[in-house]
Amino acid sequence: MLYMIALILHLIISVVLVLIILAQSSKGGLDSNLGGAAMNVFGGSGASMFLRKWTQILGLVFLGSCLLVAFLVKEMGSGTAIDEIQKRQQKLDTEETAPPAGQTQPANIPTTTE
């Protein structure tokens, strides 16, 4: 459960970081595609400093989320999650090979050749 929350948070951080990086460039970046919205909101140089600061902050948060997800994956691989998955797989394998309860396997029916 914690892994899924961390993974979704990591994905959101990644998307926001990409959008902020694209918004910084005025030469064909996201800002120019949106009609210069960052220039209108923040002024001429305000957008540059604001976006640069948030890029640095989100870059550090992204690094932290990468480490968190890596440690959570490591814990999943060595914990009881793998054992539980293997038990479920064994149970499914035995259910596939065994006939359903109350049924017997049909007897071999001889084939007739003419």
PDB file of N, CA and C in Angstrom:
ATOM      1  N   MET A   1       0.825  -1.194   0.000  1.00  0.00           N
ATOM      2  CA  MET A   1       0.000   0.000   0.000  1.00  0.00           C
ATOM      3  C   MET A   1       0.869   1.258   0.000  1.00  0.00           C
ATOM      4  N   LEU A   2       1.876   1.265   0.859  1.00  0.00           N
ATOM      5  CA  LEU A   2       2.778   2.409   0.928  1.00  0.00           C
ATOM      6  C   LEU A   2       3.547   2.556  -0.380  1.00  0.00           C
ATOM      7  N   TYR A   3       3.891   1.423  -0.994  1.00  0.00           N
ATOM      8  CA  TYR A   3       4.607   1.458  -2.266  1.00  0.00           C
ATOM      9  C   TYR A   3       3.759   2.122  -3.347  1.00  0.00           C
ATOM     10  N   MET A   4       2.474   1.781  -3.403  1.00  0.00           N
ATOM     11  CA  MET A   4       1.603   2.365  -4.421  1.00  0.00           C
ATOM     12  C   MET A   4       1.446   3.874  -4.227  1.00  0.00           C
ATOM     13  N   ILE A   5       1.316   4.305  -2.992  1.00  0.00           N
ATOM     14  CA  ILE A   5       1.200   5.738  -2.706  1.00  0.00           C
ATOM     15  C   ILE A   5       2.479   6.455  -3.125  1.00  0.00           C
ATOM     16  N   ALA A   6       3.630   5.871  -2.782  1.00  0.00           N
ATOM     17  CA  ALA A   6       4.910   6.483  -3.146  1.00  0.00           C
ATOM     18  C   ALA A   6       5.088   6.518  -4.658  1.00  0.00           C
ATOM     19  N   LEU A   7       4.645   5.465  -5.345  1.00  0.00           N
ATOM     20  CA  LEU A   7       4.778   5.416  -6.793  1.00  0.00           C
ATOM     21  C   LEU A   7       3.892   6.456  -7.481  1.00  0.00           C
ATOM     22  N   ILE A   8       2.670   6.624  -7.003  1.00  0.00           N
ATOM     23  CA  ILE A   8       1.771   7.643  -7.571  1.00  0.00           C
ATOM     24  C   ILE A   8       2.321   9.036  -7.305  1.00  0.00           C
ATOM     25  N   LEU A   9       2.821   9.275  -6.099  1.00  0.00           N
ATOM     26  CA  LEU A   9       3.421  10.566  -5.769  1.00  0.00           C
ATOM     27  C   LEU A   9       4.643  10.838  -6.653  1.00  0.00           C
ATOM     28  N   HIS A  10       5.441   9.817  -6.882  1.00  0.00           N
ATOM     29  CA  HIS A  10       6.625   9.937  -7.740  1.00  0.00           C
ATOM     30  C   HIS A  10       6.216  10.297  -9.171  1.00  0.00           C
ATOM     31  N   LEU A  11       5.168   9.689  -9.662  1.00  0.00           N
ATOM     32  CA  LEU A  11       4.677   9.976 -11.002  1.00  0.00           C
ATOM     33  C   LEU A  11       4.185  11.423 -11.117  1.00  0.00           C
ATOM     34  N   ILE A  12       3.456  11.884 -10.119  1.00  0.00           N
ATOM     35  CA  ILE A  12       2.967  13.266 -10.124  1.00  0.00           C
ATOM     36  C   ILE A  12       4.129  14.253 -10.097  1.00  0.00           C
ATOM     37  N   ILE A  13       5.115  13.987  -9.258  1.00  0.00           N
ATOM     38  CA  ILE A  13       6.297  14.856  -9.179  1.00  0.00           C
ATOM     39  C   ILE A  13       7.009  14.888 -10.528  1.00  0.00           C
ATOM     40  N   SER A  14       7.120  13.742 -11.175  1.00  0.00           N
ATOM     41  CA  SER A  14       7.799  13.667 -12.473  1.00  0.00           C
ATOM     42  C   SER A  14       7.092  14.517 -13.520  1.00  0.00           C
ATOM     43  N   VAL A  15       5.778  14.409 -13.587  1.00  0.00           N
ATOM     44  CA  VAL A  15       5.019  15.165 -14.581  1.00  0.00           C
ATOM     45  C   VAL A  15       5.132  16.661 -14.320  1.00  0.00           C
ATOM     46  N   VAL A  16       5.003  17.069 -13.067  1.00  0.00           N
ATOM     47  CA  VAL A  16       5.097  18.497 -12.729  1.00  0.00           C
ATOM     48  C   VAL A  16       6.498  19.028 -13.032  1.00  0.00           C
ATOM     49  N   LEU A  17       7.515  18.231 -12.739  1.00  0.00           N
ATOM     50  CA  LEU A  17       8.891  18.654 -13.019  1.00  0.00           C
ATOM     51  C   LEU A  17       9.110  18.830 -14.521  1.00  0.00           C
ATOM     52  N   VAL A  18       8.602  17.925 -15.324  1.00  0.00           N
ATOM     53  CA  VAL A  18       8.733  18.055 -16.775  1.00  0.00           C
ATOM     54  C   VAL A  18       8.025  19.309 -17.270  1.00  0.00           C
ATOM     55  N   LEU A  19       6.824  19.565 -16.756  1.00  0.00           N
ATOM     56  CA  LEU A  19       6.085  20.756 -17.187  1.00  0.00           C
ATOM     57  C   LEU A  19       6.798  22.045 -16.793  1.00  0.00           C
ATOM     58  N   ILE A  20       7.383  22.068 -15.619  1.00  0.00           N
ATOM     59  CA  ILE A  20       8.105  23.272 -15.186  1.00  0.00           C
ATOM     60  C   ILE A  20       9.365  23.472 -16.025  1.00  0.00           C
ATOM     61  N   ILE A  21      10.048  22.387 -16.348  1.00  0.00           N
ATOM     62  CA  ILE A  21      11.244  22.510 -17.186  1.00  0.00           C
ATOM     63  C   ILE A  21      10.858  23.009 -18.574  1.00  0.00           C
ATOM     64  N   LEU A  22       9.769  22.490 -19.124  1.00  0.00           N
ATOM     65  CA  LEU A  22       9.335  22.951 -20.446  1.00  0.00           C
ATOM     66  C   LEU A  22       8.867  24.403 -20.431  1.00  0.00           C
ATOM     67  N   ALA A  23       8.322  24.842 -19.321  1.00  0.00           N
ATOM     68  CA  ALA A  23       7.825  26.216 -19.235  1.00  0.00           C
ATOM     69  C   ALA A  23       8.957  27.231 -19.156  1.00  0.00           C
ATOM     70  N   GLN A  24      10.182  26.806 -18.826  1.00  0.00           N
ATOM     71  CA  GLN A  24      11.292  27.746 -18.676  1.00  0.00           C
ATOM     72  C   GLN A  24      11.798  28.277 -20.001  1.00  0.00           C
ATOM     73  N   SER A  25      11.822  27.442 -20.996  1.00  0.00           N
ATOM     74  CA  SER A  25      12.410  27.848 -22.264  1.00  0.00           C
ATOM     75  C   SER A  25      11.423  28.705 -23.048  1.00  0.00           C
ATOM     76  N   SER A  26      11.865  29.878 -23.467  1.00  0.00           N
ATOM     77  CA  SER A  26      10.987  30.719 -24.277  1.00  0.00           C
ATOM     78  C   SER A  26      11.207  30.463 -25.760  1.00  0.00           C
ATOM     79  N   LYS A  27      12.070  29.508 -26.096  1.00  0.00           N
ATOM     80  CA  LYS A  27      12.367  29.193 -27.496  1.00  0.00           C
ATOM     81  C   LYS A  27      11.688  27.885 -27.869  1.00  0.00           C
ATOM     82  N   GLY A  28      10.379  27.914 -27.970  1.00  0.00           N
ATOM     83  CA  GLY A  28       9.659  26.724 -28.393  1.00  0.00           C
ATOM     84  C   GLY A  28       9.240  25.821 -27.257  1.00  0.00           C
ATOM     85  N   GLY A  29       9.363  26.262 -26.021  1.00  0.00           N
ATOM     86  CA  GLY A  29       8.951  25.453 -24.885  1.00  0.00           C
ATOM     87  C   GLY A  29       7.465  25.540 -24.646  1.00  0.00           C
ATOM     88  N   LEU A  30       7.039  25.030 -23.523  1.00  0.00           N
ATOM     89  CA  LEU A  30       5.625  25.028 -23.187  1.00  0.00           C
ATOM     90  C   LEU A  30       5.087  26.450 -23.029  1.00  0.00           C
ATOM     91  N   ASP A  31       5.922  27.359 -22.562  1.00  0.00           N
ATOM     92  CA  ASP A  31       5.478  28.731 -22.356  1.00  0.00           C
ATOM     93  C   ASP A  31       5.051  29.374 -23.675  1.00  0.00           C
ATOM     94  N   SER A  32       5.821  29.160 -24.720  1.00  0.00           N
ATOM     95  CA  SER A  32       5.443  29.761 -25.999  1.00  0.00           C
ATOM     96  C   SER A  32       4.225  29.068 -26.589  1.00  0.00           C
ATOM     97  N   ASN A  33       4.047  27.797 -26.300  1.00  0.00           N
ATOM     98  CA  ASN A  33       2.869  27.075 -26.790  1.00  0.00           C
ATOM     99  C   ASN A  33       1.597  27.561 -26.110  1.00  0.00           C
ATOM    100  N   LEU A  34       1.728  28.043 -24.899  1.00  0.00           N
ATOM    101  CA  LEU A  34       0.575  28.553 -24.161  1.00  0.00           C
ATOM    102  C   LEU A  34       0.380  30.050 -24.391  1.00  0.00           C
ATOM    103  N   GLY A  35       1.101  30.598 -25.309  1.00  0.00           N
ATOM    104  CA  GLY A  35       0.935  32.016 -25.623  1.00  0.00           C
ATOM    105  C   GLY A  35       1.676  32.926 -24.665  1.00  0.00           C
ATOM    106  N   GLY A  36       2.756  32.453 -24.068  1.00  0.00           N
ATOM    107  CA  GLY A  36       3.531  33.289 -23.160  1.00  0.00           C
ATOM    108  C   GLY A  36       2.830  33.553 -21.848  1.00  0.00           C
ATOM    109  N   ALA A  37       2.105  32.586 -21.339  1.00  0.00           N
ATOM    110  CA  ALA A  37       1.334  32.778 -20.110  1.00  0.00           C
ATOM    111  C   ALA A  37       2.237  33.093 -18.920  1.00  0.00           C
ATOM    112  N   ALA A  38       3.418  32.466 -18.858  1.00  0.00           N
ATOM    113  CA  ALA A  38       4.315  32.728 -17.733  1.00  0.00           C
ATOM    114  C   ALA A  38       4.821  34.170 -17.767  1.00  0.00           C
ATOM    115  N   MET A  39       5.050  34.701 -18.955  1.00  0.00           N
ATOM    116  CA  MET A  39       5.498  36.087 -19.052  1.00  0.00           C
ATOM    117  C   MET A  39       4.402  37.045 -18.612  1.00  0.00           C
ATOM    118  N   ASN A  40       3.158  36.708 -18.921  1.00  0.00           N
ATOM    119  CA  ASN A  40       2.047  37.574 -18.537  1.00  0.00           C
ATOM    120  C   ASN A  40       1.801  37.550 -17.043  1.00  0.00           C
ATOM    121  N   VAL A  41       1.965  36.404 -16.425  1.00  0.00           N
ATOM    122  CA  VAL A  41       1.667  36.266 -15.005  1.00  0.00           C
ATOM    123  C   VAL A  41       2.795  36.807 -14.144  1.00  0.00           C
ATOM    124  N   PHE A  42       4.042  36.479 -14.494  1.00  0.00           N
ATOM    125  CA  PHE A  42       5.165  36.801 -13.616  1.00  0.00           C
ATOM    126  C   PHE A  42       5.971  38.014 -14.061  1.00  0.00           C
ATOM    127  N   GLY A  43       5.695  38.539 -15.207  1.00  0.00           N
ATOM    128  CA  GLY A  43       6.491  39.650 -15.716  1.00  0.00           C
ATOM    129  C   GLY A  43       7.674  39.129 -16.513  1.00  0.00           C
ATOM    130  N   GLY A  44       8.556  40.030 -16.954  1.00  0.00           N
ATOM    131  CA  GLY A  44       9.664  39.659 -17.826  1.00  0.00           C
ATOM    132  C   GLY A  44      10.672  38.716 -17.200  1.00  0.00           C
ATOM    133  N   SER A  45      11.211  39.056 -16.035  1.00  0.00           N
ATOM    134  CA  SER A  45      12.248  38.219 -15.432  1.00  0.00           C
ATOM    135  C   SER A  45      11.722  37.420 -14.245  1.00  0.00           C
ATOM    136  N   GLY A  46      10.527  37.723 -13.793  1.00  0.00           N
ATOM    137  CA  GLY A  46       9.979  37.013 -12.639  1.00  0.00           C
ATOM    138  C   GLY A  46       9.735  35.545 -12.915  1.00  0.00           C
ATOM    139  N   ALA A  47       9.338  35.221 -14.126  1.00  0.00           N
ATOM    140  CA  ALA A  47       9.070  33.827 -14.475  1.00  0.00           C
ATOM    141  C   ALA A  47      10.346  33.011 -14.428  1.00  0.00           C
ATOM    142  N   SER A  48      11.420  33.587 -14.900  1.00  0.00           N
ATOM    143  CA  SER A  48      12.683  32.867 -14.945  1.00  0.00           C
ATOM    144  C   SER A  48      13.159  32.479 -13.547  1.00  0.00           C
ATOM    145  N   MET A  49      13.166  33.417 -12.633  1.00  0.00           N
ATOM    146  CA  MET A  49      13.636  33.136 -11.270  1.00  0.00           C
ATOM    147  C   MET A  49      12.669  32.211 -10.537  1.00  0.00           C
ATOM    148  N   PHE A  50      11.390  32.447 -10.692  1.00  0.00           N
ATOM    149  CA  PHE A  50      10.384  31.614 -10.033  1.00  0.00           C
ATOM    150  C   PHE A  50      10.473  30.172 -10.510  1.00  0.00           C
ATOM    151  N   LEU A  51      10.522  29.982 -11.822  1.00  0.00           N
ATOM    152  CA  LEU A  51      10.581  28.629 -12.372  1.00  0.00           C
ATOM    153  C   LEU A  51      11.906  27.944 -12.069  1.00  0.00           C
ATOM    154  N   ARG A  52      12.992  28.702 -12.058  1.00  0.00           N
ATOM    155  CA  ARG A  52      14.295  28.125 -11.728  1.00  0.00           C
ATOM    156  C   ARG A  52      14.306  27.627 -10.280  1.00  0.00           C
ATOM    157  N   LYS A  53      13.723  28.405  -9.381  1.00  0.00           N
ATOM    158  CA  LYS A  53      13.673  28.005  -7.974  1.00  0.00           C
ATOM    159  C   LYS A  53      12.831  26.739  -7.798  1.00  0.00           C
ATOM    160  N   TRP A  54      11.672  26.702  -8.463  1.00  0.00           N
ATOM    161  CA  TRP A  54      10.807  25.532  -8.342  1.00  0.00           C
ATOM    162  C   TRP A  54      11.394  24.304  -9.030  1.00  0.00           C
ATOM    163  N   THR A  55      12.186  24.515 -10.064  1.00  0.00           N
ATOM    164  CA  THR A  55      12.872  23.391 -10.705  1.00  0.00           C
ATOM    165  C   THR A  55      13.864  22.769  -9.740  1.00  0.00           C
ATOM    166  N   GLN A  56      14.596  23.604  -9.027  1.00  0.00           N
ATOM    167  CA  GLN A  56      15.556  23.093  -8.052  1.00  0.00           C
ATOM    168  C   GLN A  56      14.847  22.356  -6.915  1.00  0.00           C
ATOM    169  N   ILE A  57      13.782  22.931  -6.415  1.00  0.00           N
ATOM    170  CA  ILE A  57      13.046  22.301  -5.313  1.00  0.00           C
ATOM    171  C   ILE A  57      12.458  20.964  -5.757  1.00  0.00           C
ATOM    172  N   LEU A  58      11.785  20.967  -6.903  1.00  0.00           N
ATOM    173  CA  LEU A  58      11.181  19.719  -7.383  1.00  0.00           C
ATOM    174  C   LEU A  58      12.238  18.699  -7.789  1.00  0.00           C
ATOM    175  N   GLY A  59      13.403  19.164  -8.227  1.00  0.00           N
ATOM    176  CA  GLY A  59      14.494  18.234  -8.525  1.00  0.00           C
ATOM    177  C   GLY A  59      14.940  17.486  -7.273  1.00  0.00           C
ATOM    178  N   LEU A  60      15.045  18.190  -6.165  1.00  0.00           N
ATOM    179  CA  LEU A  60      15.419  17.542  -4.904  1.00  0.00           C
ATOM    180  C   LEU A  60      14.312  16.619  -4.390  1.00  0.00           C
ATOM    181  N   VAL A  61      13.069  17.048  -4.539  1.00  0.00           N
ATOM    182  CA  VAL A  61      11.944  16.202  -4.128  1.00  0.00           C
ATOM    183  C   VAL A  61      11.887  14.952  -5.003  1.00  0.00           C
ATOM    184  N   PHE A  62      12.170  15.107  -6.296  1.00  0.00           N
ATOM    185  CA  PHE A  62      12.208  13.965  -7.215  1.00  0.00           C
ATOM    186  C   PHE A  62      13.302  12.978  -6.805  1.00  0.00           C
ATOM    187  N   LEU A  63      14.469  13.505  -6.447  1.00  0.00           N
ATOM    188  CA  LEU A  63      15.566  12.643  -5.989  1.00  0.00           C
ATOM    189  C   LEU A  63      15.157  11.874  -4.738  1.00  0.00           C
ATOM    190  N   GLY A  64      14.521  12.560  -3.801  1.00  0.00           N
ATOM    191  CA  GLY A  64      14.057  11.894  -2.586  1.00  0.00           C
ATOM    192  C   GLY A  64      13.009  10.830  -2.873  1.00  0.00           C
ATOM    193  N   SER A  65      12.096  11.111  -3.798  1.00  0.00           N
ATOM    194  CA  SER A  65      11.071  10.121  -4.120  1.00  0.00           C
ATOM    195  C   SER A  65      11.674   8.923  -4.849  1.00  0.00           C
ATOM    196  N   CYS A  66      12.723   9.157  -5.648  1.00  0.00           N
ATOM    197  CA  CYS A  66      13.427   8.036  -6.294  1.00  0.00           C
ATOM    198  C   CYS A  66      14.029   7.106  -5.254  1.00  0.00           C
ATOM    199  N   LEU A  67      14.671   7.689  -4.267  1.00  0.00           N
ATOM    200  CA  LEU A  67      15.278   6.873  -3.209  1.00  0.00           C
ATOM    201  C   LEU A  67      14.215   6.133  -2.402  1.00  0.00           C
ATOM    202  N   LEU A  68      13.116   6.798  -2.098  1.00  0.00           N
ATOM    203  CA  LEU A  68      12.040   6.164  -1.344  1.00  0.00           C
ATOM    204  C   LEU A  68      11.464   4.980  -2.100  1.00  0.00           C
ATOM    205  N   VAL A  69      11.177   5.166  -3.381  1.00  0.00           N
ATOM    206  CA  VAL A  69      10.623   4.072  -4.186  1.00  0.00           C
ATOM    207  C   VAL A  69      11.636   2.930  -4.290  1.00  0.00           C
ATOM    208  N   ALA A  70      12.924   3.249  -4.428  1.00  0.00           N
ATOM    209  CA  ALA A  70      13.948   2.211  -4.517  1.00  0.00           C
ATOM    210  C   ALA A  70      14.008   1.385  -3.229  1.00  0.00           C
ATOM    211  N   PHE A  71      13.951   2.029  -2.075  1.00  0.00           N
ATOM    212  CA  PHE A  71      13.978   1.294  -0.815  1.00  0.00           C
ATOM    213  C   PHE A  71      12.712   0.469  -0.615  1.00  0.00           C
ATOM    214  N   LEU A  72      11.570   1.001  -1.036  1.00  0.00           N
ATOM    215  CA  LEU A  72      10.326   0.240  -0.904  1.00  0.00           C
ATOM    216  C   LEU A  72      10.321  -0.980  -1.813  1.00  0.00           C
ATOM    217  N   VAL A  73      10.893  -0.863  -3.005  1.00  0.00           N
ATOM    218  CA  VAL A  73      10.984  -2.022  -3.902  1.00  0.00           C
ATOM    219  C   VAL A  73      11.912  -3.067  -3.304  1.00  0.00           C
ATOM    220  N   LYS A  74      12.995  -2.630  -2.699  1.00  0.00           N
ATOM    221  CA  LYS A  74      13.941  -3.559  -2.078  1.00  0.00           C
ATOM    222  C   LYS A  74      13.264  -4.325  -0.946  1.00  0.00           C
ATOM    223  N   GLU A  75      12.455  -3.642  -0.147  1.00  0.00           N
ATOM    224  CA  GLU A  75      11.737  -4.305   0.942  1.00  0.00           C
ATOM    225  C   GLU A  75      10.714  -5.295   0.421  1.00  0.00           C
ATOM    226  N   MET A  76      10.064  -4.962  -0.696  1.00  0.00           N
ATOM    227  CA  MET A  76       9.068  -5.867  -1.264  1.00  0.00           C
ATOM    228  C   MET A  76       9.721  -7.145  -1.755  1.00  0.00           C
ATOM    229  N   GLY A  77      10.923  -7.048  -2.297  1.00  0.00           N
ATOM    230  CA  GLY A  77      11.598  -8.223  -2.842  1.00  0.00           C
ATOM    231  C   GLY A  77      12.089  -9.184  -1.788  1.00  0.00           C
ATOM    232  N   SER A  78      12.376  -8.723  -0.592  1.00  0.00           N
ATOM    233  CA  SER A  78      12.939  -9.608   0.424  1.00  0.00           C
ATOM    234  C   SER A  78      11.944  -9.957   1.524  1.00  0.00           C
ATOM    235  N   GLY A  79      10.754  -9.454   1.441  1.00  0.00           N
ATOM    236  CA  GLY A  79       9.798  -9.660   2.522  1.00  0.00           C
ATOM    237  C   GLY A  79       8.823 -10.781   2.249  1.00  0.00           C
ATOM    238  N   THR A  80       7.720 -10.714   2.935  1.00  0.00           N
ATOM    239  CA  THR A  80       6.709 -11.751   2.836  1.00  0.00           C
ATOM    240  C   THR A  80       5.868 -11.621   1.578  1.00  0.00           C
ATOM    241  N   ALA A  81       5.992 -10.509   0.871  1.00  0.00           N
ATOM    242  CA  ALA A  81       5.188 -10.324  -0.340  1.00  0.00           C
ATOM    243  C   ALA A  81       5.526 -11.375  -1.383  1.00  0.00           C
ATOM    244  N   ILE A  82       6.802 -11.686  -1.534  1.00  0.00           N
ATOM    245  CA  ILE A  82       7.220 -12.697  -2.513  1.00  0.00           C
ATOM    246  C   ILE A  82       6.708 -14.067  -2.090  1.00  0.00           C
ATOM    247  N   ASP A  83       6.810 -14.385  -0.794  1.00  0.00           N
ATOM    248  CA  ASP A  83       6.313 -15.671  -0.313  1.00  0.00           C
ATOM    249  C   ASP A  83       4.813 -15.806  -0.536  1.00  0.00           C
ATOM    250  N   GLU A  84       4.080 -14.730  -0.305  1.00  0.00           N
ATOM    251  CA  GLU A  84       2.632 -14.759  -0.491  1.00  0.00           C
ATOM    252  C   GLU A  84       2.270 -14.957  -1.962  1.00  0.00           C
ATOM    253  N   ILE A  85       2.990 -14.301  -2.844  1.00  0.00           N
ATOM    254  CA  ILE A  85       2.737 -14.463  -4.281  1.00  0.00           C
ATOM    255  C   ILE A  85       3.041 -15.889  -4.715  1.00  0.00           C
ATOM    256  N   GLN A  86       4.128 -16.466  -4.201  1.00  0.00           N
ATOM    257  CA  GLN A  86       4.477 -17.840  -4.563  1.00  0.00           C
ATOM    258  C   GLN A  86       3.437 -18.826  -4.046  1.00  0.00           C
ATOM    259  N   LYS A  87       2.903 -18.595  -2.848  1.00  0.00           N
ATOM    260  CA  LYS A  87       1.858 -19.474  -2.314  1.00  0.00           C
ATOM    261  C   LYS A  87       0.596 -19.397  -3.164  1.00  0.00           C
ATOM    262  N   ARG A  88       0.223 -18.194  -3.590  1.00  0.00           N
ATOM    263  CA  ARG A  88      -0.950 -18.041  -4.445  1.00  0.00           C
ATOM    264  C   ARG A  88      -0.755 -18.753  -5.778  1.00  0.00           C
ATOM    265  N   GLN A  89       0.454 -18.656  -6.334  1.00  0.00           N
ATOM    266  CA  GLN A  89       0.741 -19.300  -7.611  1.00  0.00           C
ATOM    267  C   GLN A  89       0.683 -20.819  -7.476  1.00  0.00           C
ATOM    268  N   GLN A  90       1.225 -21.348  -6.383  1.00  0.00           N
ATOM    269  CA  GLN A  90       1.169 -22.790  -6.162  1.00  0.00           C
ATOM    270  C   GLN A  90      -0.275 -23.249  -6.010  1.00  0.00           C
ATOM    271  N   LYS A  91      -1.086 -22.472  -5.305  1.00  0.00           N
ATOM    272  CA  LYS A  91      -2.493 -22.820  -5.126  1.00  0.00           C
ATOM    273  C   LYS A  91      -3.215 -22.838  -6.469  1.00  0.00           C
ATOM    274  N   LEU A  92      -2.941 -21.848  -7.314  1.00  0.00           N
ATOM    275  CA  LEU A  92      -3.555 -21.815  -8.640  1.00  0.00           C
ATOM    276  C   LEU A  92      -3.086 -22.992  -9.497  1.00  0.00           C
ATOM    277  N   ASP A  93      -1.812 -23.342  -9.392  1.00  0.00           N
ATOM    278  CA  ASP A  93      -1.289 -24.470 -10.166  1.00  0.00           C
ATOM    279  C   ASP A  93      -1.952 -25.778  -9.758  1.00  0.00           C
ATOM    280  N   THR A  94      -2.157 -25.980  -8.454  1.00  0.00           N
ATOM    281  CA  THR A  94      -2.782 -27.229  -8.011  1.00  0.00           C
ATOM    282  C   THR A  94      -4.257 -27.263  -8.377  1.00  0.00           C
ATOM    283  N   GLU A  95      -4.915 -26.115  -8.397  1.00  0.00           N
ATOM    284  CA  GLU A  95      -6.328 -26.077  -8.792  1.00  0.00           C
ATOM    285  C   GLU A  95      -6.495 -26.384 -10.277  1.00  0.00           C
ATOM    286  N   GLU A  96      -5.538 -25.992 -11.084  1.00  0.00           N
ATOM    287  CA  GLU A  96      -5.631 -26.254 -12.519  1.00  0.00           C
ATOM    288  C   GLU A  96      -5.440 -27.731 -12.834  1.00  0.00           C
ATOM    289  N   THR A  97      -4.576 -28.409 -12.103  1.00  0.00           N
ATOM    290  CA  THR A  97      -4.293 -29.814 -12.401  1.00  0.00           C
ATOM    291  C   THR A  97      -5.290 -30.761 -11.748  1.00  0.00           C
ATOM    292  N   ALA A  98      -5.865 -30.380 -10.631  1.00  0.00           N
ATOM    293  CA  ALA A  98      -6.806 -31.261  -9.930  1.00  0.00           C
ATOM    294  C   ALA A  98      -8.202 -31.095 -10.529  1.00  0.00           C
ATOM    295  N   PRO A  99      -8.971 -32.216 -10.604  1.00  0.00           N
ATOM    296  CA  PRO A  99     -10.340 -32.093 -11.106  1.00  0.00           C
ATOM    297  C   PRO A  99     -11.208 -31.396 -10.067  1.00  0.00           C
ATOM    298  N   PRO A 100     -12.279 -30.753 -10.499  1.00  0.00           N
ATOM    299  CA  PRO A 100     -13.171 -30.085  -9.544  1.00  0.00           C
ATOM    300  C   PRO A 100     -13.743 -31.089  -8.544  1.00  0.00           C
ATOM    301  N   ALA A 101     -14.084 -30.582  -7.373  1.00  0.00           N
ATOM    302  CA  ALA A 101     -14.584 -31.462  -6.306  1.00  0.00           C
ATOM    303  C   ALA A 101     -15.876 -32.139  -6.753  1.00  0.00           C
ATOM    304  N   GLY A 102     -15.994 -33.445  -6.444  1.00  0.00           N
ATOM    305  CA  GLY A 102     -17.206 -34.192  -6.765  1.00  0.00           C
ATOM    306  C   GLY A 102     -17.207 -34.774  -8.163  1.00  0.00           C
ATOM    307  N   GLN A 103     -16.200 -34.501  -8.936  1.00  0.00           N
ATOM    308  CA  GLN A 103     -16.144 -35.052 -10.285  1.00  0.00           C
ATOM    309  C   GLN A 103     -15.004 -36.044 -10.366  1.00  0.00           C
ATOM    310  N   THR A 104     -15.225 -37.057 -11.148  1.00  0.00           N
ATOM    311  CA  THR A 104     -14.153 -38.016 -11.386  1.00  0.00           C
ATOM    312  C   THR A 104     -13.668 -37.833 -12.801  1.00  0.00           C
ATOM    313  N   GLN A 105     -12.484 -38.286 -13.016  1.00  0.00           N
ATOM    314  CA  GLN A 105     -11.929 -38.180 -14.343  1.00  0.00           C
ATOM    315  C   GLN A 105     -12.611 -39.223 -15.241  1.00  0.00           C
ATOM    316  N   PRO A 106     -12.921 -38.888 -16.478  1.00  0.00           N
ATOM    317  CA  PRO A 106     -13.574 -39.861 -17.348  1.00  0.00           C
ATOM    318  C   PRO A 106     -12.633 -41.017 -17.666  1.00  0.00           C
ATOM    319  N   ALA A 107     -13.238 -42.171 -17.800  1.00  0.00           N
ATOM    320  CA  ALA A 107     -12.457 -43.354 -18.130  1.00  0.00           C
ATOM    321  C   ALA A 107     -11.996 -43.247 -19.574  1.00  0.00           C
ATOM    322  N   ASN A 108     -10.947 -43.941 -19.872  1.00  0.00           N
ATOM    323  CA  ASN A 108     -10.436 -43.923 -21.229  1.00  0.00           C
ATOM    324  C   ASN A 108     -11.459 -44.616 -22.137  1.00  0.00           C
ATOM    325  N   ILE A 109     -11.891 -43.917 -23.130  1.00  0.00           N
ATOM    326  CA  ILE A 109     -12.861 -44.483 -24.079  1.00  0.00           C
ATOM    327  C   ILE A 109     -12.063 -45.015 -25.262  1.00  0.00           C
ATOM    328  N   PRO A 110     -12.213 -46.316 -25.510  1.00  0.00           N
ATOM    329  CA  PRO A 110     -11.426 -46.878 -26.630  1.00  0.00           C
ATOM    330  C   PRO A 110     -11.951 -46.339 -27.950  1.00  0.00           C
ATOM    331  N   THR A 111     -11.059 -46.088 -28.814  1.00  0.00           N
ATOM    332  CA  THR A 111     -11.439 -45.623 -30.138  1.00  0.00           C
ATOM    333  C   THR A 111     -11.581 -46.814 -31.061  1.00  0.00           C
ATOM    334  N   THR A 112     -12.565 -46.755 -31.900  1.00  0.00           N
ATOM    335  CA  THR A 112     -12.789 -47.848 -32.830  1.00  0.00           C
ATOM    336  C   THR A 112     -12.257 -47.464 -34.191  1.00  0.00           C
ATOM    337  N   THR A 113     -11.594 -48.376 -34.774  1.00  0.00           N
ATOM    338  CA  THR A 113     -11.093 -48.129 -36.125  1.00  0.00           C
ATOM    339  C   THR A 113     -11.789 -49.097 -37.076  1.00  0.00           C
ATOM    340  N   GLU A 114     -12.176 -48.633 -38.147  1.00  0.00           N
ATOM    341  CA  GLU A 114     -12.881 -49.488 -39.111  1.00  0.00           C
ATOM    342  C   GLU A 114     -12.030 -49.840 -40.265  1.00  0.00           C
TER     343      GLU A 114
END
